[in-house]
């Protein structure tokens, strides 16, 4: 019985730690790189020519996907580490992941997406292509 309790506590601690880390990363990215409410396909960074990590790239892709949803306030994205980020060239990236959100009828559906991003010389990430499939 004691072993089960210890195993339960360890598993709970690991899950809580992973969840907390993901929320912390999202908070840091949101704080450092606030999203403008604009219709442009650029995402501004404070530091030009910054080397971006996969979490930052996946987060930017999520924001572009969120803009294109019918009900963006209902969007539930997986943790950033579940997104697949591929660097296709020195300044181009492809992000593959999914989002759960409401469709036009109010039903929650899972939608897969592929986002192609390009980093400009001024540090901004711009949307090249977005493909959203149900």
Protein backbone atom coordinates (compact mmCIF):
# COMPACT_ATOMS: atom_id res chain seq x y z
CA UNK A 1 0.00 0.00 0.00
CA UNK A 2 2.85 2.33 0.86
CA UNK A 3 4.51 1.68 -2.52
CA UNK A 4 1.32 2.55 -4.38
CA UNK A 5 1.03 5.80 -2.46
CA UNK A 6 4.62 6.73 -3.28
CA UNK A 7 4.16 5.83 -6.96
CA UNK A 8 0.96 7.90 -7.06
CA UNK A 9 2.71 10.89 -5.52
CA UNK A 10 5.62 10.60 -7.98
CA UNK A 11 3.29 10.38 -10.99
CA UNK A 12 1.21 13.31 -9.74
CA UNK A 13 4.36 15.38 -9.20
CA UNK A 14 5.65 14.60 -12.71
CA UNK A 15 2.34 15.49 -14.36
CA UNK A 16 2.08 18.69 -12.34
CA UNK A 17 5.68 19.60 -13.22
CA UNK A 18 5.15 19.08 -16.95
CA UNK A 19 1.93 21.09 -16.90
CA UNK A 20 3.53 23.90 -14.89
CA UNK A 21 6.57 24.05 -17.17
CA UNK A 22 4.37 24.31 -20.28
CA UNK A 23 2.31 27.12 -18.73
CA UNK A 24 5.51 28.90 -17.69
CA UNK A 25 6.93 28.71 -21.24
CA UNK A 26 3.66 30.03 -22.70
CA UNK A 27 3.65 32.86 -20.15
CA UNK A 28 7.26 33.82 -20.93
CA UNK A 29 6.64 33.83 -24.68
CA UNK A 30 3.43 35.86 -24.28
CA UNK A 31 5.25 38.33 -22.01
CA UNK A 32 8.31 38.70 -24.24
CA UNK A 33 6.49 38.70 -27.57
CA UNK A 34 2.98 40.11 -27.22
CA UNK A 35 0.61 39.42 -30.08
CA UNK A 36 -0.75 42.42 -31.89
CA UNK A 37 -4.40 42.39 -32.91
CA UNK A 38 -3.80 43.12 -36.54
CA UNK A 39 -4.59 41.61 -39.87
CA UNK A 40 -0.95 41.33 -40.92
CA UNK A 41 0.74 38.00 -41.37
CA UNK A 42 3.75 39.06 -39.29
CA UNK A 43 4.59 38.25 -35.71
CA UNK A 44 6.95 40.85 -34.22
CA UNK A 45 9.98 40.02 -32.11
CA UNK A 46 11.94 42.42 -29.95
CA UNK A 47 15.29 41.00 -31.03
CA UNK A 48 16.14 40.98 -34.75
CA UNK A 49 17.85 37.85 -36.07
CA UNK A 50 17.05 35.98 -32.89
CA UNK A 51 17.57 32.24 -33.03
CA UNK A 52 14.16 30.84 -32.23
CA UNK A 53 13.56 27.66 -30.29
CA UNK A 54 10.88 25.13 -31.22
CA UNK A 55 8.52 26.30 -28.45
CA UNK A 56 8.54 29.87 -29.76
CA UNK A 57 7.95 28.75 -33.33
CA UNK A 58 5.11 26.41 -32.30
CA UNK A 59 3.54 29.21 -30.25
CA UNK A 60 3.59 31.61 -33.20
CA UNK A 61 2.00 28.93 -35.41
CA UNK A 62 -0.74 28.47 -32.78
CA UNK A 63 -1.49 32.20 -32.87
CA UNK A 64 -1.82 32.17 -36.67
CA UNK A 65 -4.12 29.12 -36.50
CA UNK A 66 -6.16 30.75 -33.74
CA UNK A 67 -6.77 33.79 -35.98
CA UNK A 68 -8.27 31.56 -38.67
CA UNK A 69 -10.69 29.61 -36.46
CA UNK A 70 -14.44 30.25 -36.41
CA UNK A 71 -14.48 30.28 -32.60
CA UNK A 72 -10.92 31.18 -31.51
CA UNK A 73 -11.90 31.62 -27.86
CA UNK A 74 -12.73 27.89 -27.68
CA UNK A 75 -9.33 26.78 -29.03
CA UNK A 76 -7.55 24.15 -26.95
CA UNK A 77 -4.03 23.50 -28.21
CA UNK A 78 -1.81 20.66 -26.99
CA UNK A 79 1.32 21.48 -25.05
CA UNK A 80 4.01 23.13 -27.14
CA UNK A 81 6.30 20.11 -26.95
CA UNK A 82 3.70 18.03 -28.82
CA UNK A 83 4.04 20.20 -31.93
CA UNK A 84 6.34 18.97 -34.65
CA UNK A 85 8.67 21.76 -35.81
CA UNK A 86 10.87 21.19 -38.83
CA UNK A 87 13.47 23.67 -40.05
CA UNK A 88 13.31 23.57 -43.86
CA UNK A 89 16.01 26.19 -44.48
CA UNK A 90 17.97 28.74 -42.46
CA UNK A 91 14.91 30.98 -42.13
CA UNK A 92 11.90 28.72 -42.87
CA UNK A 93 9.96 26.40 -40.57
CA UNK A 94 7.03 24.00 -40.84
CA UNK A 95 4.87 23.31 -37.78
CA UNK A 96 2.48 20.35 -37.64
CA UNK A 97 0.00 19.92 -34.81
CA UNK A 98 -3.71 20.00 -33.94
CA UNK A 99 -6.28 22.11 -32.13
CA UNK A 100 -9.62 21.26 -30.54
CA UNK A 101 -12.20 24.00 -31.12
CA UNK A 102 -15.86 24.56 -31.84
CA UNK A 103 -17.05 24.44 -35.42
CA UNK A 104 -19.86 26.58 -36.85
CA UNK A 105 -22.47 24.34 -35.20
CA UNK A 106 -20.91 24.54 -31.75
CA UNK A 107 -19.52 21.00 -31.71
CA UNK A 108 -15.94 20.49 -30.50
CA UNK A 109 -13.80 19.01 -33.25
CA UNK A 110 -10.13 18.20 -33.63
CA UNK A 111 -8.47 19.97 -36.52
CA UNK A 112 -4.99 19.20 -37.81
CA UNK A 113 -2.88 21.99 -39.19
CA UNK A 114 0.36 22.59 -41.06
CA UNK A 115 1.83 26.09 -40.84
CA UNK A 116 4.77 27.30 -42.89
CA UNK A 117 6.63 30.27 -41.41
CA UNK A 118 9.53 32.36 -42.64
CA UNK A 119 11.76 34.56 -40.49
CA UNK A 120 12.49 37.91 -42.07
CA UNK A 121 15.78 39.76 -41.67
CA UNK A 122 14.21 42.07 -39.07
CA UNK A 123 13.36 39.08 -36.85
CA UNK A 124 9.64 38.92 -37.61
CA UNK A 125 8.04 35.59 -38.38
CA UNK A 126 5.66 35.78 -41.30
CA UNK A 127 3.01 33.32 -42.39
CA UNK A 128 3.83 31.74 -45.73
CA UNK A 129 1.10 29.09 -45.84
CA UNK A 130 -1.45 27.55 -43.53
CA UNK A 131 -3.37 24.32 -44.17
CA UNK A 132 -6.14 23.38 -41.77
CA UNK A 133 -7.87 20.01 -42.18
CA UNK A 134 -10.64 18.35 -40.18
